[in-house]
Amino acid sequence: FGLPNGTMVYSTIPFDGGIKSEFNTYFTPSLSKA
C-alpha cells in the first residue's frame, strides 16, 4: 500500500497461496511521527 506521494510505503502484507488460499484483513491509516 503506497501513500499518495508515491515515495513511501504505508503497509506491506505478505501472502503465500501454497499456505493459505484466502484471508481477510484490515487497517486504518493513521498519522505517525516515526
PDB file of all heavy atoms in Angstrom:
ATOM      1  N   PHE A   1       0.855  -1.180   0.000  1.00  0.00           N
ATOM      2  CA  PHE A   1       0.000   0.000   0.000  1.00  0.00           C
ATOM      3  C   PHE A   1       0.889   1.227   0.000  1.00  0.00           C
ATOM      4  O   PHE A   1       1.622   1.475   0.958  1.00  0.00           O
ATOM      5  CB  PHE A   1      -0.905   0.015   1.240  1.00  0.00           C
ATOM      6  CG  PHE A   1      -1.934  -1.075   1.222  1.00  0.00           C
ATOM      7  CD1 PHE A   1      -1.630  -2.333   1.724  1.00  0.00           C
ATOM      8  CD2 PHE A   1      -3.189  -0.850   0.694  1.00  0.00           C
ATOM      9  CE1 PHE A   1      -2.563  -3.347   1.702  1.00  0.00           C
ATOM     10  CE2 PHE A   1      -4.131  -1.862   0.669  1.00  0.00           C
ATOM     11  CZ  PHE A   1      -3.820  -3.114   1.177  1.00  0.00           C
ATOM     12  N   GLY A   2       0.840   1.983  -1.088  1.00  0.00           N
ATOM     13  CA  GLY A   2       1.677   3.172  -1.227  1.00  0.00           C
ATOM     14  C   GLY A   2       0.902   4.443  -0.982  1.00  0.00           C
ATOM     15  O   GLY A   2      -0.211   4.607  -1.478  1.00  0.00           O
ATOM     16  N   LEU A   3       1.498   5.350  -0.225  1.00  0.00           N
ATOM     17  CA  LEU A   3       0.883   6.650   0.054  1.00  0.00           C
ATOM     18  C   LEU A   3       0.755   7.479  -1.227  1.00  0.00           C
ATOM     19  O   LEU A   3       1.478   7.252  -2.206  1.00  0.00           O
ATOM     20  CB  LEU A   3       1.722   7.415   1.080  1.00  0.00           C
ATOM     21  CG  LEU A   3       1.618   6.910   2.518  1.00  0.00           C
ATOM     22  CD1 LEU A   3       2.723   7.497   3.376  1.00  0.00           C
ATOM     23  CD2 LEU A   3       0.263   7.238   3.096  1.00  0.00           C
ATOM     24  N   PRO A   4      -0.123   8.478  -1.209  1.00  0.00           N
ATOM     25  CA  PRO A   4      -0.342   9.292  -2.407  1.00  0.00           C
ATOM     26  C   PRO A   4       0.888   9.990  -2.943  1.00  0.00           C
ATOM     27  O   PRO A   4       0.975  10.232  -4.141  1.00  0.00           O
ATOM     28  CB  PRO A   4      -1.380  10.320  -1.944  1.00  0.00           C
ATOM     29  CG  PRO A   4      -2.086   9.668  -0.824  1.00  0.00           C
ATOM     30  CD  PRO A   4      -1.055   8.820  -0.137  1.00  0.00           C
ATOM     31  N   ASN A   5       1.863  10.297  -2.120  1.00  0.00           N
ATOM     32  CA  ASN A   5       3.040  10.998  -2.627  1.00  0.00           C
ATOM     33  C   ASN A   5       3.909  10.093  -3.501  1.00  0.00           C
ATOM     34  O   ASN A   5       4.822  10.555  -4.167  1.00  0.00           O
ATOM     35  CB  ASN A   5       3.857  11.601  -1.481  1.00  0.00           C
ATOM     36  CG  ASN A   5       4.431  10.546  -0.542  1.00  0.00           C
ATOM     37  OD1 ASN A   5       4.502   9.354  -0.866  1.00  0.00           O
ATOM     38  ND2 ASN A   5       4.837  10.979   0.641  1.00  0.00           N
ATOM     39  N   GLY A   6       3.638   8.796  -3.466  1.00  0.00           N
ATOM     40  CA  GLY A   6       4.360   7.855  -4.318  1.00  0.00           C
ATOM     41  C   GLY A   6       5.766   7.527  -3.868  1.00  0.00           C
ATOM     42  O   GLY A   6       6.467   6.771  -4.519  1.00  0.00           O
ATOM     43  N   THR A   7       6.196   8.082  -2.751  1.00  0.00           N
ATOM     44  CA  THR A   7       7.569   7.844  -2.307  1.00  0.00           C
ATOM     45  C   THR A   7       7.654   6.979  -1.052  1.00  0.00           C
ATOM     46  O   THR A   7       8.746   6.612  -0.648  1.00  0.00           O
ATOM     47  CB  THR A   7       8.292   9.174  -2.008  1.00  0.00           C
ATOM     48  OG1 THR A   7       7.593   9.845  -0.958  1.00  0.00           O
ATOM     49  CG2 THR A   7       8.357  10.040  -3.242  1.00  0.00           C
ATOM     50  N   MET A   8       6.508   6.683  -0.446  1.00  0.00           N
ATOM     51  CA  MET A   8       6.557   5.935   0.804  1.00  0.00           C
ATOM     52  C   MET A   8       5.533   4.800   0.815  1.00  0.00           C
ATOM     53  O   MET A   8       4.406   4.969   0.364  1.00  0.00           O
ATOM     54  CB  MET A   8       6.269   6.865   1.988  1.00  0.00           C
ATOM     55  CG  MET A   8       6.567   6.212   3.307  1.00  0.00           C
ATOM     56  SD  MET A   8       6.167   7.213   4.776  1.00  0.00           S
ATOM     57  CE  MET A   8       6.798   8.806   4.402  1.00  0.00           C
ATOM     58  N   VAL A   9       5.977   3.660   1.334  1.00  0.00           N
ATOM     59  CA  VAL A   9       5.090   2.518   1.523  1.00  0.00           C
ATOM     60  C   VAL A   9       4.439   2.664   2.888  1.00  0.00           C
ATOM     61  O   VAL A   9       5.119   2.866   3.893  1.00  0.00           O
ATOM     62  CB  VAL A   9       5.883   1.188   1.444  1.00  0.00           C
ATOM     63  CG1 VAL A   9       5.026   0.021   1.873  1.00  0.00           C
ATOM     64  CG2 VAL A   9       6.432   0.993   0.040  1.00  0.00           C
ATOM     65  N   TYR A  10       3.114   2.589   2.912  1.00  0.00           N
ATOM     66  CA  TYR A  10       2.414   2.684   4.194  1.00  0.00           C
ATOM     67  C   TYR A  10       2.375   1.328   4.894  1.00  0.00           C
ATOM     68  O   TYR A  10       2.613   1.232   6.089  1.00  0.00           O
ATOM     69  CB  TYR A  10       0.976   3.201   4.002  1.00  0.00           C
ATOM     70  CG  TYR A  10       0.268   3.318   5.329  1.00  0.00           C
ATOM     71  CD1 TYR A  10       0.460   4.441   6.124  1.00  0.00           C
ATOM     72  CD2 TYR A  10      -0.540   2.298   5.821  1.00  0.00           C
ATOM     73  CE1 TYR A  10      -0.135   4.551   7.364  1.00  0.00           C
ATOM     74  CE2 TYR A  10      -1.137   2.400   7.060  1.00  0.00           C
ATOM     75  CZ  TYR A  10      -0.935   3.523   7.824  1.00  0.00           C
ATOM     76  OH  TYR A  10      -1.516   3.630   9.069  1.00  0.00           O
ATOM     77  N   SER A  11       2.092   0.274   4.131  1.00  0.00           N
ATOM     78  CA  SER A  11       1.921  -1.045   4.733  1.00  0.00           C
ATOM     79  C   SER A  11       2.238  -2.130   3.706  1.00  0.00           C
ATOM     80  O   SER A  11       2.042  -1.933   2.504  1.00  0.00           O
ATOM     81  CB  SER A  11       0.470  -1.189   5.204  1.00  0.00           C
ATOM     82  OG  SER A  11       0.228  -2.462   5.730  1.00  0.00           O
ATOM     83  N   THR A  12       2.711  -3.264   4.192  1.00  0.00           N
ATOM     84  CA  THR A  12       3.001  -4.417   3.340  1.00  0.00           C
ATOM     85  C   THR A  12       2.387  -5.658   3.982  1.00  0.00           C
ATOM     86  O   THR A  12       2.558  -5.877   5.181  1.00  0.00           O
ATOM     87  CB  THR A  12       4.521  -4.617   3.194  1.00  0.00           C
ATOM     88  OG1 THR A  12       5.077  -3.428   2.625  1.00  0.00           O
ATOM     89  CG2 THR A  12       4.844  -5.790   2.293  1.00  0.00           C
ATOM     90  N   ILE A  13       1.692  -6.448   3.178  1.00  0.00           N
ATOM     91  CA  ILE A  13       1.067  -7.677   3.672  1.00  0.00           C
ATOM     92  C   ILE A  13       1.589  -8.838   2.820  1.00  0.00           C
ATOM     93  O   ILE A  13       1.280  -8.919   1.626  1.00  0.00           O
ATOM     94  CB  ILE A  13      -0.467  -7.610   3.577  1.00  0.00           C
ATOM     95  CG1 ILE A  13      -0.994  -6.410   4.370  1.00  0.00           C
ATOM     96  CG2 ILE A  13      -1.096  -8.915   4.066  1.00  0.00           C
ATOM     97  CD1 ILE A  13      -2.458  -6.111   4.134  1.00  0.00           C
ATOM     98  N   PRO A  14       2.361  -9.744   3.403  1.00  0.00           N
ATOM     99  CA  PRO A  14       2.844 -10.896   2.628  1.00  0.00           C
ATOM    100  C   PRO A  14       1.731 -11.923   2.437  1.00  0.00           C
ATOM    101  O   PRO A  14       0.801 -12.014   3.246  1.00  0.00           O
ATOM    102  CB  PRO A  14       3.964 -11.462   3.506  1.00  0.00           C
ATOM    103  CG  PRO A  14       3.639 -11.009   4.883  1.00  0.00           C
ATOM    104  CD  PRO A  14       2.870  -9.720   4.759  1.00  0.00           C
ATOM    105  N   PHE A  15       1.831 -12.693   1.348  1.00  0.00           N
ATOM    106  CA  PHE A  15       0.874 -13.780   1.113  1.00  0.00           C
ATOM    107  C   PHE A  15       1.582 -14.926   0.418  1.00  0.00           C
ATOM    108  O   PHE A  15       2.565 -14.739  -0.295  1.00  0.00           O
ATOM    109  CB  PHE A  15      -0.333 -13.299   0.291  1.00  0.00           C
ATOM    110  CG  PHE A  15       0.027 -12.765  -1.065  1.00  0.00           C
ATOM    111  CD1 PHE A  15       0.123 -13.590  -2.167  1.00  0.00           C
ATOM    112  CD2 PHE A  15       0.281 -11.412  -1.230  1.00  0.00           C
ATOM    113  CE1 PHE A  15       0.465 -13.089  -3.409  1.00  0.00           C
ATOM    114  CE2 PHE A  15       0.621 -10.899  -2.474  1.00  0.00           C
ATOM    115  CZ  PHE A  15       0.716 -11.745  -3.567  1.00  0.00           C
ATOM    116  N   ASP A  16       1.064 -16.128   0.649  1.00  0.00           N
ATOM    117  CA  ASP A  16       1.587 -17.346   0.026  1.00  0.00           C
ATOM    118  C   ASP A  16       0.411 -18.282  -0.184  1.00  0.00           C
ATOM    119  O   ASP A  16      -0.099 -18.889   0.764  1.00  0.00           O
ATOM    120  CB  ASP A  16       2.640 -17.994   0.920  1.00  0.00           C
ATOM    121  CG  ASP A  16       3.291 -19.215   0.289  1.00  0.00           C
ATOM    122  OD1 ASP A  16       2.708 -19.799  -0.657  1.00  0.00           O
ATOM    123  OD2 ASP A  16       4.384 -19.595   0.745  1.00  0.00           O
ATOM    124  N   GLY A  17      -0.043 -18.387  -1.435  1.00  0.00           N
ATOM    125  CA  GLY A  17      -1.188 -19.228  -1.767  1.00  0.00           C
ATOM    126  C   GLY A  17      -0.967 -20.694  -1.486  1.00  0.00           C
ATOM    127  O   GLY A  17      -1.928 -21.445  -1.325  1.00  0.00           O
ATOM    128  N   GLY A  18       0.295 -21.134  -1.406  1.00  0.00           N
ATOM    129  CA  GLY A  18       0.585 -22.523  -1.069  1.00  0.00           C
ATOM    130  C   GLY A  18       0.286 -22.828   0.394  1.00  0.00           C
ATOM    131  O   GLY A  18       0.071 -23.972   0.773  1.00  0.00           O
ATOM    132  N   ILE A  19       0.273 -21.806   1.218  1.00  0.00           N
ATOM    133  CA  ILE A  19      -0.016 -21.976   2.645  1.00  0.00           C
ATOM    134  C   ILE A  19      -1.477 -21.646   2.945  1.00  0.00           C
ATOM    135  O   ILE A  19      -2.155 -22.355   3.671  1.00  0.00           O
ATOM    136  CB  ILE A  19       0.921 -21.093   3.494  1.00  0.00           C
ATOM    137  CG1 ILE A  19       2.367 -21.561   3.319  1.00  0.00           C
ATOM    138  CG2 ILE A  19       0.516 -21.113   4.962  1.00  0.00           C
ATOM    139  CD1 ILE A  19       3.395 -20.650   3.952  1.00  0.00           C
ATOM    140  N   LYS A  20      -1.958 -20.556   2.351  1.00  0.00           N
ATOM    141  CA  LYS A  20      -3.315 -20.081   2.621  1.00  0.00           C
ATOM    142  C   LYS A  20      -3.880 -19.481   1.342  1.00  0.00           C
ATOM    143  O   LYS A  20      -3.319 -18.533   0.801  1.00  0.00           O
ATOM    144  CB  LYS A  20      -3.223 -19.016   3.715  1.00  0.00           C
ATOM    145  CG  LYS A  20      -4.436 -18.794   4.520  1.00  0.00           C
ATOM    146  CD  LYS A  20      -4.118 -17.741   5.585  1.00  0.00           C
ATOM    147  CE  LYS A  20      -4.889 -18.023   6.830  1.00  0.00           C
ATOM    148  NZ  LYS A  20      -4.640 -17.016   7.846  1.00  0.00           N
ATOM    149  N   SER A  21      -4.994 -20.030   0.859  1.00  0.00           N
ATOM    150  CA  SER A  21      -5.552 -19.542  -0.411  1.00  0.00           C
ATOM    151  C   SER A  21      -6.484 -18.348  -0.233  1.00  0.00           C
ATOM    152  O   SER A  21      -6.851 -17.702  -1.209  1.00  0.00           O
ATOM    153  CB  SER A  21      -6.290 -20.659  -1.138  1.00  0.00           C
ATOM    154  OG  SER A  21      -7.424 -21.070  -0.392  1.00  0.00           O
ATOM    155  N   GLU A  22      -6.878 -18.070   1.006  1.00  0.00           N
ATOM    156  CA  GLU A  22      -7.724 -16.901   1.238  1.00  0.00           C
ATOM    157  C   GLU A  22      -7.536 -16.379   2.660  1.00  0.00           C
ATOM    158  O   GLU A  22      -7.197 -17.119   3.573  1.00  0.00           O
ATOM    159  CB  GLU A  22      -9.188 -17.206   0.977  1.00  0.00           C
ATOM    160  CG  GLU A  22      -9.770 -18.355   1.741  1.00  0.00           C
ATOM    161  CD  GLU A  22     -11.178 -18.686   1.266  1.00  0.00           C
ATOM    162  OE1 GLU A  22     -11.358 -18.991   0.085  1.00  0.00           O
ATOM    163  OE2 GLU A  22     -12.081 -18.611   2.117  1.00  0.00           O
ATOM    164  N   PHE A  23      -7.712 -15.068   2.795  1.00  0.00           N
ATOM    165  CA  PHE A  23      -7.655 -14.431   4.108  1.00  0.00           C
ATOM    166  C   PHE A  23      -8.269 -13.048   4.010  1.00  0.00           C
ATOM    167  O   PHE A  23      -8.459 -12.502   2.925  1.00  0.00           O
ATOM    168  CB  PHE A  23      -6.218 -14.354   4.649  1.00  0.00           C
ATOM    169  CG  PHE A  23      -5.280 -13.505   3.838  1.00  0.00           C
ATOM    170  CD1 PHE A  23      -5.105 -12.156   4.122  1.00  0.00           C
ATOM    171  CD2 PHE A  23      -4.546 -14.057   2.790  1.00  0.00           C
ATOM    172  CE1 PHE A  23      -4.230 -11.377   3.372  1.00  0.00           C
ATOM    173  CE2 PHE A  23      -3.675 -13.291   2.045  1.00  0.00           C
ATOM    174  CZ  PHE A  23      -3.518 -11.940   2.336  1.00  0.00           C
ATOM    175  N   ASN A  24      -8.623 -12.493   5.160  1.00  0.00           N
ATOM    176  CA  ASN A  24      -9.167 -11.141   5.261  1.00  0.00           C
ATOM    177  C   ASN A  24      -8.334 -10.371   6.279  1.00  0.00           C
ATOM    178  O   ASN A  24      -7.860 -10.945   7.260  1.00  0.00           O
ATOM    179  CB  ASN A  24     -10.619 -11.167   5.729  1.00  0.00           C
ATOM    180  CG  ASN A  24     -11.521 -11.894   4.762  1.00  0.00           C
ATOM    181  OD1 ASN A  24     -11.473 -11.654   3.568  1.00  0.00           O
ATOM    182  ND2 ASN A  24     -12.334 -12.796   5.272  1.00  0.00           N
ATOM    183  N   THR A  25      -8.191  -9.091   6.046  1.00  0.00           N
ATOM    184  CA  THR A  25      -7.501  -8.226   6.998  1.00  0.00           C
ATOM    185  C   THR A  25      -8.019  -6.805   6.804  1.00  0.00           C
ATOM    186  O   THR A  25      -8.766  -6.526   5.861  1.00  0.00           O
ATOM    187  CB  THR A  25      -5.968  -8.298   6.804  1.00  0.00           C
ATOM    188  OG1 THR A  25      -5.323  -7.622   7.883  1.00  0.00           O
ATOM    189  CG2 THR A  25      -5.526  -7.705   5.478  1.00  0.00           C
ATOM    190  N   TYR A  26      -7.639  -5.931   7.707  1.00  0.00           N
ATOM    191  CA  TYR A  26      -7.996  -4.524   7.556  1.00  0.00           C
ATOM    192  C   TYR A  26      -6.975  -3.665   8.289  1.00  0.00           C
ATOM    193  O   TYR A  26      -6.209  -4.150   9.119  1.00  0.00           O
ATOM    194  CB  TYR A  26      -9.406  -4.234   8.085  1.00  0.00           C
ATOM    195  CG  TYR A  26      -9.528  -4.277   9.588  1.00  0.00           C
ATOM    196  CD1 TYR A  26      -9.417  -3.120  10.349  1.00  0.00           C
ATOM    197  CD2 TYR A  26      -9.756  -5.482  10.245  1.00  0.00           C
ATOM    198  CE1 TYR A  26      -9.519  -3.153  11.723  1.00  0.00           C
ATOM    199  CE2 TYR A  26      -9.869  -5.532  11.624  1.00  0.00           C
ATOM    200  CZ  TYR A  26      -9.750  -4.364  12.353  1.00  0.00           C
ATOM    201  OH  TYR A  26      -9.842  -4.397  13.718  1.00  0.00           O
ATOM    202  N   PHE A  27      -6.958  -2.404   7.940  1.00  0.00           N
ATOM    203  CA  PHE A  27      -6.144  -1.423   8.659  1.00  0.00           C
ATOM    204  C   PHE A  27      -6.823  -0.071   8.568  1.00  0.00           C
ATOM    205  O   PHE A  27      -7.675   0.157   7.709  1.00  0.00           O
ATOM    206  CB  PHE A  27      -4.702  -1.379   8.123  1.00  0.00           C
ATOM    207  CG  PHE A  27      -4.577  -0.859   6.711  1.00  0.00           C
ATOM    208  CD1 PHE A  27      -4.274   0.471   6.473  1.00  0.00           C
ATOM    209  CD2 PHE A  27      -4.741  -1.711   5.618  1.00  0.00           C
ATOM    210  CE1 PHE A  27      -4.141   0.954   5.172  1.00  0.00           C
ATOM    211  CE2 PHE A  27      -4.609  -1.242   4.325  1.00  0.00           C
ATOM    212  CZ  PHE A  27      -4.308   0.099   4.094  1.00  0.00           C
ATOM    213  N   THR A  28      -6.456   0.810   9.481  1.00  0.00           N
ATOM    214  CA  THR A  28      -6.954   2.181   9.477  1.00  0.00           C
ATOM    215  C   THR A  28      -5.750   3.096   9.342  1.00  0.00           C
ATOM    216  O   THR A  28      -4.932   3.169  10.259  1.00  0.00           O
ATOM    217  CB  THR A  28      -7.695   2.498  10.797  1.00  0.00           C
ATOM    218  OG1 THR A  28      -8.688   1.503  11.017  1.00  0.00           O
ATOM    219  CG2 THR A  28      -8.348   3.868  10.730  1.00  0.00           C
ATOM    220  N   PRO A  29      -5.580   3.756   8.211  1.00  0.00           N
ATOM    221  CA  PRO A  29      -4.436   4.656   8.054  1.00  0.00           C
ATOM    222  C   PRO A  29      -4.412   5.704   9.157  1.00  0.00           C
ATOM    223  O   PRO A  29      -5.444   6.289   9.506  1.00  0.00           O
ATOM    224  CB  PRO A  29      -4.672   5.300   6.688  1.00  0.00           C
ATOM    225  CG  PRO A  29      -5.517   4.305   5.952  1.00  0.00           C
ATOM    226  CD  PRO A  29      -6.412   3.718   7.006  1.00  0.00           C
ATOM    227  N   SER A  30      -3.239   5.899   9.729  1.00  0.00           N
ATOM    228  CA  SER A  30      -3.109   6.866  10.816  1.00  0.00           C
ATOM    229  C   SER A  30      -1.785   7.620  10.701  1.00  0.00           C
ATOM    230  O   SER A  30      -0.873   7.204   9.991  1.00  0.00           O
ATOM    231  CB  SER A  30      -3.199   6.156  12.166  1.00  0.00           C
ATOM    232  OG  SER A  30      -2.167   5.198  12.278  1.00  0.00           O
ATOM    233  N   LEU A  31      -1.714   8.715  11.423  1.00  0.00           N
ATOM    234  CA  LEU A  31      -0.503   9.527  11.438  1.00  0.00           C
ATOM    235  C   LEU A  31       0.566   8.834  12.273  1.00  0.00           C
ATOM    236  O   LEU A  31       0.264   8.058  13.171  1.00  0.00           O
ATOM    237  CB  LEU A  31      -0.805  10.903  12.033  1.00  0.00           C
ATOM    238  CG  LEU A  31      -1.894  11.715  11.327  1.00  0.00           C
ATOM    239  CD1 LEU A  31      -2.085  13.051  12.023  1.00  0.00           C
ATOM    240  CD2 LEU A  31      -1.571  11.915   9.857  1.00  0.00           C
ATOM    241  N   SER A  32       1.823   9.122  11.944  1.00  0.00           N
ATOM    242  CA  SER A  32       2.930   8.531  12.691  1.00  0.00           C
ATOM    243  C   SER A  32       4.152   9.441  12.583  1.00  0.00           C
ATOM    244  O   SER A  32       4.691   9.631  11.479  1.00  0.00           O
ATOM    245  CB  SER A  32       3.270   7.144  12.127  1.00  0.00           C
ATOM    246  OG  SER A  32       4.479   6.676  12.671  1.00  0.00           O
ATOM    247  N   LYS A  33       4.559   9.964  13.718  1.00  0.00           N
ATOM    248  CA  LYS A  33       5.749  10.810  13.740  1.00  0.00           C
ATOM    249  C   LYS A  33       6.969  10.005  13.311  1.00  0.00           C
ATOM    250  O   LYS A  33       7.793  10.469  12.521  1.00  0.00           O
ATOM    251  CB  LYS A  33       5.943  11.385  15.148  1.00  0.00           C
ATOM    252  CG  LYS A  33       7.016  12.409  15.264  1.00  0.00           C
ATOM    253  CD  LYS A  33       7.028  12.993  16.688  1.00  0.00           C
ATOM    254  CE  LYS A  33       8.010  14.121  16.802  1.00  0.00           C
ATOM    255  NZ  LYS A  33       7.997  14.702  18.152  1.00  0.00           N
ATOM    256  N   ALA A  34       7.089   8.763  13.802  1.00  0.00           N
ATOM    257  CA  ALA A  34       8.239   7.908  13.486  1.00  0.00           C
ATOM    258  C   ALA A  34       8.326   7.602  11.994  1.00  0.00           C
ATOM    259  O   ALA A  34       9.417   7.496  11.439  1.00  0.00           O
ATOM    260  CB  ALA A  34       8.160   6.611  14.285  1.00  0.00           C
TER     261      ALA A  34
END
